């Protein structure tokens, strides 16, 4: 099934095709050729997240037996973003009466999985370098994420490399509903002959990177829809568009628990504003720890407000404590003031359940080595927070008032632009001074938070946050 030399009827030049073939050959040489191997898969419960009953696919000795109502959520670990989207879709599948099945393509001992992990290592290195070097970010990282990944020729190499994933799909029924929250799982499923594949595209900036011809491409915004429909800017000359049945505008990928509680959570935020309670800020340091200088500046700025009872600060350090060590070094006083939940997800969850009532303020920090707990901790706390402080990644689409940090990679700029235009977020604040000024504004002019909450409820009523349900329905129906 050749998806490299022609993409949506657009021929790819021979030089690019040859380069793609060399890329696949390089991974085969490095990690071994398992293209003839028949991998078997089994089910293992993911018990960490009580809100979603997820079964995880793991390697097994005998063929897989799936429940009749299964929906496969294909994903990879690349930061927290693709995992968070996968959890949202699994949550919506469960709400629609389906059994969500988790398939992390990077988690297996297989050639395709090793290829993904090696690619992810390179991406993580680039992301970290972009935070340390403004010159690298300006000359390499931003242009590559914004324009390099945009070209349709970039998709050719990914399509060829994703052929290596095919053996992992051996046990899956061809007509099983399958949703990929990264393009590689979607491409792998198509190469394996699956017929009900939805490619849940994560960003607002259209890129050739995210194409998986043979799947239904789901996008969250009208801007992304038109950009993908026209393959706008994917080549120097106009391209043949994506056919009608291959592209759908679905809305934001949001967990069922968050969508169904929008009115309640926003009402509680307004209630806290009316009562003069401390404004709750939730920082998402996440899995990569990028933007450390910004987090430090904001925390130092917020501590006097916390001491005065005007603010409350919660920090999710993801699945590592490296940044917590940096915080303690730069702000020794924070260790004595902070309440901690380290590898205590149950304690954090129990505490979160009390937060509809007035809380005692202060600083709370949490971290979980288990990635499911680390990612879902933000979900637990964002329902109870008044302001989510985040970079414009997948969280730019979530139904909570957002203070938008500096982007990491040029493609994220368009998530920030979209969120501010939709009205449930501030504009992107790129410097420590700009972020601290916005914090002052939110604390001293509460009309802004009232408006953000009002707008979130309006967006829910418009169906903007229903994308998770819609992609599940698309996968069940197929083309």
Protein backbone atom coordinates (compact mmCIF):
# COMPACT_ATOMS: atom_id res chain seq x y z
CA UNK A 1 0.00 0.00 0.00
CA UNK A 2 2.08 2.91 -1.33
CA UNK A 3 1.28 6.16 0.49
CA UNK A 4 4.66 7.75 -0.23
CA UNK A 5 4.87 8.47 -3.96
CA UNK A 6 1.35 9.92 -4.29
CA UNK A 7 -0.50 11.74 -1.48
CA UNK A 8 -4.16 12.65 -2.10
CA UNK A 9 -3.52 12.51 -5.84
CA UNK A 10 -0.45 14.73 -5.60
CA UNK A 11 2.72 13.11 -7.01
CA UNK A 12 5.84 13.29 -4.83
CA UNK A 13 9.14 13.89 -6.61
CA UNK A 14 11.47 10.85 -7.04
CA UNK A 15 14.22 12.43 -4.94
CA UNK A 16 11.91 12.72 -1.92
CA UNK A 17 10.61 9.17 -2.42
CA UNK A 18 14.16 7.80 -2.57
CA UNK A 19 15.04 9.71 0.59
CA UNK A 20 11.99 8.22 2.33
CA UNK A 21 13.00 4.71 1.31
CA UNK A 22 16.49 5.29 2.69
CA UNK A 23 14.99 6.46 5.97
CA UNK A 24 12.99 3.24 6.35
CA UNK A 25 16.03 1.15 5.40
CA UNK A 26 18.10 2.96 8.04
CA UNK A 27 15.65 2.00 10.79
CA UNK A 28 15.47 -1.59 9.58
CA UNK A 29 19.25 -1.82 9.71
CA UNK A 30 19.43 -0.20 13.14
CA UNK A 31 16.55 -2.01 14.88
CA UNK A 32 16.09 -5.22 12.90
CA UNK A 33 13.56 -6.43 10.34
CA UNK A 34 10.37 -7.78 11.93
CA UNK A 35 8.07 -7.14 8.98
CA UNK A 36 7.22 -10.87 8.74
CA UNK A 37 6.60 -11.30 12.45
CA UNK A 38 3.10 -11.82 13.81
CA UNK A 39 2.81 -10.00 17.12
CA UNK A 40 0.02 -11.06 19.46
CA UNK A 41 -1.59 -8.66 21.90
CA UNK A 42 -3.40 -9.03 25.19
CA UNK A 43 -5.47 -6.78 27.46
CA UNK A 44 -4.24 -5.35 30.75
CA UNK A 45 -6.34 -2.98 32.89
CA UNK A 46 -5.06 0.55 33.50
CA UNK A 47 -6.17 0.91 37.09
CA UNK A 48 -4.60 4.28 37.88
CA UNK A 49 -7.40 6.46 36.47
CA UNK A 50 -10.66 5.57 38.18
CA UNK A 51 -12.69 7.97 36.01
CA UNK A 52 -11.98 5.96 32.84
CA UNK A 53 -11.96 2.17 32.64
CA UNK A 54 -9.22 1.65 30.05
CA UNK A 55 -7.73 -1.63 28.85
CA UNK A 56 -4.10 -1.45 27.70
CA UNK A 57 -2.73 -3.49 24.80
CA UNK A 58 0.46 -5.38 25.68
CA UNK A 59 2.43 -8.13 23.94
CA UNK A 60 1.02 -11.62 24.55
CA UNK A 61 1.53 -15.26 23.60
CA UNK A 62 -1.86 -15.87 22.03
CA UNK A 63 -4.17 -13.94 19.67
CA UNK A 64 -6.13 -10.98 21.01
CA UNK A 65 -9.79 -11.24 22.05
CA UNK A 66 -11.47 -7.82 22.02
CA UNK A 67 -14.84 -6.94 23.52
CA UNK A 68 -17.51 -6.40 20.86
CA UNK A 69 -17.87 -2.70 21.72
CA UNK A 70 -14.15 -1.88 21.69
CA UNK A 71 -12.73 1.41 20.43
CA UNK A 72 -8.95 1.45 19.97
CA UNK A 73 -7.18 4.70 20.90
CA UNK A 74 -3.77 4.66 19.20
CA UNK A 75 -1.21 7.03 20.66
CA UNK A 76 2.43 7.66 21.52
CA UNK A 77 4.20 9.34 24.40
CA UNK A 78 5.53 12.67 23.08
CA UNK A 79 5.41 15.08 25.98
CA UNK A 80 1.96 14.90 27.56
CA UNK A 81 -0.12 16.27 24.69
CA UNK A 82 -0.92 13.15 22.68
CA UNK A 83 -1.56 11.14 25.86
CA UNK A 84 -3.95 13.82 27.12
CA UNK A 85 -5.90 13.83 23.85
CA UNK A 86 -6.01 10.02 23.93
CA UNK A 87 -7.42 10.11 27.47
CA UNK A 88 -10.06 12.61 26.37
CA UNK A 89 -11.17 10.38 23.51
CA UNK A 90 -11.14 7.28 25.74
CA UNK A 91 -13.34 9.17 28.20
CA UNK A 92 -15.81 10.10 25.46
CA UNK A 93 -15.83 6.54 24.11
CA UNK A 94 -16.76 5.28 27.57
CA UNK A 95 -19.51 7.90 27.86
CA UNK A 96 -20.94 6.62 24.57
CA UNK A 97 -21.11 3.06 25.93
CA UNK A 98 -17.90 1.79 24.37
CA UNK A 99 -14.88 0.05 25.91
CA UNK A 100 -11.77 2.17 25.29
CA UNK A 101 -8.61 0.20 24.46
CA UNK A 102 -5.23 1.94 24.84
CA UNK A 103 -2.54 1.26 22.22
CA UNK A 104 0.74 3.08 22.82
CA UNK A 105 2.79 2.31 19.71
CA UNK A 106 6.02 3.35 21.43
CA UNK A 107 5.60 0.90 24.30
CA UNK A 108 6.33 -2.38 22.52
CA UNK A 109 9.58 -4.24 21.87
CA UNK A 110 9.25 -3.99 18.11
CA UNK A 111 11.11 -2.30 15.26
CA UNK A 112 8.37 0.28 14.67
CA UNK A 113 8.23 1.11 18.37
CA UNK A 114 11.98 1.61 18.52
CA UNK A 115 11.73 3.87 15.48
CA UNK A 116 9.13 6.02 17.27
CA UNK A 117 11.20 6.23 20.44
CA UNK A 118 14.29 7.31 18.51
CA UNK A 119 12.32 9.99 16.66
CA UNK A 120 10.79 11.19 19.91
CA UNK A 121 14.22 11.44 21.52
CA UNK A 122 15.32 13.76 18.72
CA UNK A 123 12.19 15.88 19.07
CA UNK A 124 12.63 16.15 22.85
CA UNK A 125 16.26 17.19 22.39
CA UNK A 126 15.25 19.88 19.91
CA UNK A 127 12.54 21.15 22.24
CA UNK A 128 14.96 21.43 25.15
CA UNK A 129 17.61 23.15 23.02
CA UNK A 130 15.02 25.64 21.82
CA UNK A 131 14.47 26.72 25.43
CA UNK A 132 18.18 27.11 26.13
CA UNK A 133 19.20 28.85 22.92
CA UNK A 134 17.22 31.73 21.42
CA UNK A 135 19.35 31.51 18.29
CA UNK A 136 18.60 27.78 17.82
CA UNK A 137 14.93 28.47 18.43
CA UNK A 138 14.81 31.34 15.94
CA UNK A 139 16.90 29.75 13.17
CA UNK A 140 16.01 26.06 13.53
CA UNK A 141 13.22 25.03 15.89
CA UNK A 142 10.48 27.57 15.20
CA UNK A 143 10.93 27.43 11.40
CA UNK A 144 11.01 23.62 11.38
CA UNK A 145 7.86 23.28 13.51
CA UNK A 146 5.99 25.94 11.58
CA UNK A 147 7.15 25.54 7.98
CA UNK A 148 9.36 22.43 7.74
CA UNK A 149 6.71 20.04 9.02
CA UNK A 150 4.12 21.80 6.84
CA UNK A 151 5.44 20.54 3.51
CA UNK A 152 3.64 17.61 1.91
CA UNK A 153 7.04 16.10 1.15
CA UNK A 154 7.64 15.70 4.89
CA UNK A 155 4.65 13.35 4.97
CA UNK A 156 6.30 11.05 2.42
CA UNK A 157 9.09 9.99 4.79
CA UNK A 158 6.68 9.48 7.69
CA UNK A 159 4.41 7.34 5.53
CA UNK A 160 7.32 5.13 4.52
CA UNK A 161 8.63 4.82 8.09
CA UNK A 162 5.17 4.05 9.47
CA UNK A 163 5.08 0.91 7.31
CA UNK A 164 7.32 -0.51 10.04
CA UNK A 165 4.37 -0.36 12.46
CA UNK A 166 2.22 -2.77 10.45
CA UNK A 167 3.16 -5.99 12.34
CA UNK A 168 1.80 -4.58 15.62
CA UNK A 169 -1.73 -4.46 14.14
CA UNK A 170 -1.81 -8.16 13.25
CA UNK A 171 -4.42 -9.10 15.88
CA UNK A 172 -6.77 -6.16 15.33
CA UNK A 173 -9.99 -6.80 13.36
CA UNK A 174 -9.93 -4.78 10.15
CA UNK A 175 -13.22 -3.05 10.98
CA UNK A 176 -12.49 -2.19 14.62
CA UNK A 177 -13.08 1.53 15.36
CA UNK A 178 -9.58 3.04 15.63
CA UNK A 179 -8.64 6.62 16.57
CA UNK A 180 -5.05 7.83 16.31
CA UNK A 181 -4.06 10.81 18.46
CA UNK A 182 -0.75 11.10 16.63
CA UNK A 183 -0.27 10.62 12.92
CA UNK A 184 2.01 7.56 13.22
CA UNK A 185 -0.64 5.34 14.86
CA UNK A 186 -3.12 6.49 12.21
CA UNK A 187 -0.69 5.79 9.36
CA UNK A 188 0.23 2.41 10.83
CA UNK A 189 -3.43 1.41 11.09
CA UNK A 190 -4.06 2.35 7.45
CA UNK A 191 -1.00 0.41 6.28
CA UNK A 192 -2.31 -2.59 8.22
CA UNK A 193 -5.59 -2.44 6.30
CA UNK A 194 -7.89 -1.12 9.03
CA UNK A 195 -11.02 0.44 7.54
CA UNK A 196 -12.44 2.55 10.39
CA UNK A 197 -9.50 4.84 11.16
CA UNK A 198 -9.89 8.42 12.41
CA UNK A 199 -6.79 10.59 12.51
CA UNK A 200 -7.41 13.09 15.36
CA UNK A 201 -5.17 16.01 14.36
CA UNK A 202 -3.94 17.83 17.47
CA UNK A 203 -2.88 21.32 16.35
CA UNK A 204 -4.47 24.38 14.78
CA UNK A 205 -1.65 24.92 12.26
CA UNK A 206 -2.14 22.68 9.18
CA UNK A 207 0.93 20.57 8.42
CA UNK A 208 1.83 17.78 6.01
CA UNK A 209 3.21 16.00 9.06
CA UNK A 210 -0.34 15.16 10.17
CA UNK A 211 -1.63 13.55 6.96
CA UNK A 212 -2.66 9.89 7.05
CA UNK A 213 -4.35 9.20 3.72
CA UNK A 214 -6.86 6.40 4.04
CA UNK A 215 -8.16 7.67 7.37
CA UNK A 216 -10.79 10.27 8.23
CA UNK A 217 -8.93 13.42 9.25
CA UNK A 218 -10.61 15.14 12.21
CA UNK A 219 -9.76 18.76 13.04
CA UNK A 220 -10.81 20.98 15.93
CA UNK A 221 -11.19 24.40 14.24
CA UNK A 222 -12.55 26.03 11.06
CA UNK A 223 -9.07 27.47 10.37
CA UNK A 224 -7.55 23.98 10.39
CA UNK A 225 -10.41 22.62 8.27
CA UNK A 226 -9.84 25.06 5.42
CA UNK A 227 -6.07 24.76 5.66
CA UNK A 228 -6.18 20.97 5.37
CA UNK A 229 -8.95 20.98 2.79
CA UNK A 230 -6.82 23.10 0.46
CA UNK A 231 -3.49 21.67 1.67
CA UNK A 232 -2.70 25.35 1.89
CA UNK A 233 1.01 26.12 1.78
CA UNK A 234 1.99 22.44 1.70
CA UNK A 235 3.87 23.02 -1.57
CA UNK A 236 4.98 25.91 -3.77
CA UNK A 237 2.22 25.17 -6.28
CA UNK A 238 -1.49 24.57 -5.50
CA UNK A 239 -2.28 20.95 -4.66
CA UNK A 240 -5.30 18.73 -5.19
CA UNK A 241 -7.49 19.07 -2.07
CA UNK A 242 -8.41 16.42 0.48
CA UNK A 243 -11.63 14.69 -0.69
CA UNK A 244 -14.86 15.51 1.16
CA UNK A 245 -15.20 12.24 3.05
CA UNK A 246 -11.63 12.35 4.32
CA UNK A 247 -11.86 15.52 6.40
CA UNK A 248 -14.27 16.47 9.20
CA UNK A 249 -14.53 19.48 11.53
CA UNK A 250 -15.49 18.00 14.91
CA UNK A 251 -14.66 20.49 17.68
CA UNK A 252 -12.28 20.27 20.62
CA UNK A 253 -11.13 16.91 22.02
CA UNK A 254 -12.24 17.22 25.66
CA UNK A 255 -12.88 14.58 28.34
CA UNK A 256 -16.51 13.76 29.08
CA UNK A 257 -15.99 14.58 32.78
CA UNK A 258 -14.92 18.12 31.88
CA UNK A 259 -17.61 18.75 29.26
CA UNK A 260 -20.54 17.60 31.37
CA UNK A 261 -19.41 19.76 34.32
CA UNK A 262 -18.70 23.04 32.48
CA UNK A 263 -21.68 24.93 33.94
CA UNK A 264 -21.07 23.66 37.46
CA UNK A 265 -17.34 24.43 37.41
CA UNK A 266 -17.78 27.92 35.94
CA UNK A 267 -20.53 28.70 38.47
CA UNK A 268 -18.14 27.73 41.28
CA UNK A 269 -15.48 30.04 39.83
CA UNK A 270 -17.88 32.96 39.79
CA UNK A 271 -19.01 32.08 43.30
CA UNK A 272 -15.40 32.25 44.52
CA UNK A 273 -14.93 35.62 42.80
CA UNK A 274 -18.07 36.95 44.47
CA UNK A 275 -16.95 35.77 47.90
CA UNK A 276 -13.46 37.26 47.64
CA UNK A 277 -11.79 33.84 47.94
CA UNK A 278 -8.18 33.46 46.75
CA UNK A 279 -7.93 33.05 42.99
CA UNK A 280 -6.64 29.58 42.17
CA UNK A 281 -3.80 29.33 39.66
CA UNK A 282 -2.85 25.92 38.22
CA UNK A 283 0.57 25.66 36.51
CA UNK A 284 1.25 22.76 34.16
CA UNK A 285 5.00 22.18 34.08
CA UNK A 286 4.19 18.82 32.49
CA UNK A 287 6.49 16.13 31.20
CA UNK A 288 9.25 18.15 29.54
CA UNK A 289 9.70 21.04 31.96
CA UNK A 290 10.04 23.54 29.11
CA UNK A 291 9.67 27.22 29.93
CA UNK A 292 11.35 26.91 33.32
CA UNK A 293 12.36 30.58 33.44
CA UNK A 294 8.74 31.62 33.01
CA UNK A 295 7.43 29.28 35.71
CA UNK A 296 10.04 30.57 38.17
CA UNK A 297 9.21 34.21 37.44
CA UNK A 298 5.48 33.65 37.84
CA UNK A 299 5.86 31.67 41.05
CA UNK A 300 8.08 34.34 42.62
CA UNK A 301 5.53 36.95 41.59
CA UNK A 302 2.59 34.97 42.99
CA UNK A 303 4.07 34.11 46.39
CA UNK A 304 3.34 37.55 47.95
CA UNK A 305 -0.27 37.27 46.71
CA UNK A 306 -0.47 33.80 48.24
CA UNK A 307 0.87 35.11 51.55
CA UNK A 308 -1.73 37.91 51.47
CA UNK A 309 -4.57 35.43 50.87
CA UNK A 310 -5.36 36.79 47.41
CA UNK A 311 -4.08 33.81 45.40
CA UNK A 312 -3.62 30.06 45.67
CA UNK A 313 -1.00 28.22 43.58
CA UNK A 314 -1.06 24.60 42.40
CA UNK A 315 1.84 23.19 40.36
CA UNK A 316 1.88 19.90 38.43
CA UNK A 317 5.49 18.81 37.91
CA UNK A 318 4.40 15.95 35.67
CA UNK A 319 6.32 12.71 36.02
CA UNK A 320 9.68 14.09 37.18
CA UNK A 321 10.91 16.34 39.97
CA UNK A 322 13.77 18.06 38.18
CA UNK A 323 11.96 21.40 38.05
CA UNK A 324 10.95 21.12 41.72
CA UNK A 325 14.66 20.98 42.56
CA UNK A 326 15.16 24.13 40.48
CA UNK A 327 12.30 25.83 42.32
CA UNK A 328 13.75 24.96 45.74
CA UNK A 329 17.19 26.22 44.71
CA UNK A 330 15.81 29.56 43.51
CA UNK A 331 13.11 29.94 46.16
CA UNK A 332 14.23 28.10 49.32
CA UNK A 333 11.17 29.33 51.21
CA UNK A 334 8.75 27.46 48.94
CA UNK A 335 9.66 24.02 50.29
CA UNK A 336 8.49 24.99 53.79
CA UNK A 337 5.26 26.56 52.50
CA UNK A 338 4.17 23.94 49.98
CA UNK A 339 1.85 21.02 50.58
CA UNK A 340 3.11 18.10 48.49
CA UNK A 341 1.54 15.08 46.80
CA UNK A 342 4.48 13.11 45.41
CA UNK A 343 3.45 9.72 44.01
CA UNK A 344 0.25 10.07 46.04
CA UNK A 345 -2.40 10.23 43.34
CA UNK A 346 -5.10 8.96 45.69
CA UNK A 347 -4.31 11.70 48.17
CA UNK A 348 -4.39 14.30 45.40
CA UNK A 349 -7.66 12.92 44.06
CA UNK A 350 -9.25 12.91 47.52
CA UNK A 351 -8.12 16.51 48.07
CA UNK A 352 -9.48 17.58 44.66
CA UNK A 353 -12.91 16.24 45.61
CA UNK A 354 -13.06 18.69 48.53
CA UNK A 355 -12.30 21.78 46.44
CA UNK A 356 -15.85 22.84 45.63
CA UNK A 357 -15.82 24.07 49.22
CA UNK A 358 -13.53 26.97 50.25
CA UNK A 359 -9.89 25.88 50.56
CA UNK A 360 -7.15 27.09 52.87
CA UNK A 361 -5.03 28.73 50.17
CA UNK A 362 -1.27 28.35 50.01
CA UNK A 363 0.91 26.40 47.58
CA UNK A 364 0.32 22.79 46.56
CA UNK A 365 2.74 20.85 44.35
CA UNK A 366 2.33 17.36 42.94
CA UNK A 367 4.20 14.86 40.82
CA UNK A 368 3.60 11.23 39.80
CA UNK A 369 6.10 8.87 38.21
CA UNK A 370 3.19 7.03 36.61
CA UNK A 371 2.42 8.90 33.39
CA UNK A 372 -1.34 8.26 33.52
CA UNK A 373 -1.53 9.79 36.97
CA UNK A 374 0.82 12.64 36.00
CA UNK A 375 -1.31 13.61 32.99
CA UNK A 376 -4.69 13.15 34.63
CA UNK A 377 -3.70 15.17 37.71
CA UNK A 378 -4.12 18.31 35.61
CA UNK A 379 -7.61 17.14 34.61
CA UNK A 380 -8.58 16.72 38.27
CA UNK A 381 -7.32 20.15 39.27
CA UNK A 382 -8.33 22.20 36.22
CA UNK A 383 -11.97 21.64 37.11
CA UNK A 384 -11.31 23.30 40.46
CA UNK A 385 -8.88 26.00 39.27
CA UNK A 386 -9.81 29.56 38.34
CA UNK A 387 -6.89 30.06 35.95
CA UNK A 388 -4.89 27.43 34.06
CA UNK A 389 -1.38 28.66 33.21
CA UNK A 390 -0.20 26.76 30.15
CA UNK A 391 1.66 27.03 26.89
CA UNK A 392 -0.60 26.93 23.79
CA UNK A 393 -0.41 23.16 23.32
CA UNK A 394 -3.34 20.73 23.49
CA UNK A 395 -4.52 22.54 26.65
CA UNK A 396 -5.27 25.65 24.56
CA UNK A 397 -8.54 23.93 23.62
CA UNK A 398 -9.72 23.02 27.14
CA UNK A 399 -12.80 24.59 28.82
CA UNK A 400 -11.09 26.50 31.62
CA UNK A 401 -9.94 30.14 31.82
CA UNK A 402 -6.37 30.15 30.53
CA UNK A 403 -3.36 32.39 30.96
CA UNK A 404 -1.34 31.62 27.83
CA UNK A 405 2.44 31.34 28.11
CA UNK A 406 5.07 31.55 25.38
CA UNK A 407 4.76 28.85 22.73
CA UNK A 408 7.24 25.99 22.27
CA UNK A 409 7.55 25.53 18.50
CA UNK A 410 6.03 27.85 15.88
CA UNK A 411 2.97 25.66 15.26
CA UNK A 412 1.68 26.38 18.77
CA UNK A 413 1.28 30.08 17.99
CA UNK A 414 -1.92 29.30 16.12
CA UNK A 415 -3.41 27.53 19.12
CA UNK A 416 -2.87 30.70 21.14
CA UNK A 417 -4.37 32.90 18.43
CA UNK A 418 -7.41 30.63 18.17
CA UNK A 419 -7.99 30.47 21.93
CA UNK A 420 -7.88 34.24 22.39
CA UNK A 421 -10.27 34.72 19.46
CA UNK A 422 -12.68 32.14 20.89
CA UNK A 423 -12.62 34.14 24.12
CA UNK A 424 -11.78 31.51 26.76
CA UNK A 425 -8.12 32.55 27.11
CA UNK A 426 -5.78 35.49 27.42
CA UNK A 427 -3.48 36.31 24.52
CA UNK A 428 -0.02 34.74 24.47
CA UNK A 429 2.28 36.35 27.07
CA UNK A 430 5.81 35.69 25.89
CA UNK A 431 8.00 37.24 28.59
CA UNK A 432 8.18 37.01 32.40
CA UNK A 433 7.16 40.67 32.62
CA UNK A 434 4.12 40.14 30.39
CA UNK A 435 3.02 37.06 32.36
CA UNK A 436 3.38 38.79 35.72
CA UNK A 437 1.48 41.80 34.41
CA UNK A 438 -1.35 39.51 33.29
CA UNK A 439 -1.40 37.84 36.70
CA UNK A 440 -1.77 41.28 38.30
CA UNK A 441 -4.59 42.11 35.91
CA UNK A 442 -6.51 38.88 36.60
CA UNK A 443 -6.17 39.38 40.35
CA UNK A 444 -7.19 43.02 40.33
CA UNK A 445 -9.82 43.10 37.57
CA UNK A 446 -12.13 40.19 38.19
CA UNK A 447 -14.46 41.17 35.36
CA UNK A 448 -12.03 39.40 33.02
CA UNK A 449 -12.44 36.03 34.73
CA UNK A 450 -16.20 36.49 34.82
CA UNK A 451 -16.20 37.05 31.06
CA UNK A 452 -13.96 34.02 30.43
CA UNK A 453 -16.32 31.83 32.45
CA UNK A 454 -19.37 33.19 30.64
CA UNK A 455 -17.73 32.50 27.30
CA UNK A 456 -16.80 28.92 28.22
CA UNK A 457 -20.44 28.15 28.96
CA UNK A 458 -21.46 29.73 25.64
CA UNK A 459 -18.90 27.64 23.76
CA UNK A 460 -20.19 24.48 25.39
CA UNK A 461 -23.72 25.34 24.29
CA UNK A 462 -22.43 25.84 20.74
CA UNK A 463 -21.01 22.29 20.81
CA UNK A 464 -17.42 23.51 20.49
CA UNK A 465 -16.13 21.05 23.12
CA UNK A 466 -17.80 17.96 21.60
CA UNK A 467 -14.91 16.80 19.39
CA UNK A 468 -14.09 13.76 21.52
CA UNK A 469 -17.58 12.33 21.09
CA UNK A 470 -17.61 13.12 17.38
CA UNK A 471 -14.37 11.29 16.54
CA UNK A 472 -15.66 8.18 18.32
CA UNK A 473 -18.86 8.31 16.26
CA UNK A 474 -16.83 8.74 13.07
CA UNK A 475 -14.67 5.72 13.92
CA UNK A 476 -17.71 3.57 14.63
CA UNK A 477 -19.36 4.55 11.34
CA UNK A 478 -16.20 4.38 9.20
CA UNK A 479 -16.11 5.74 5.67
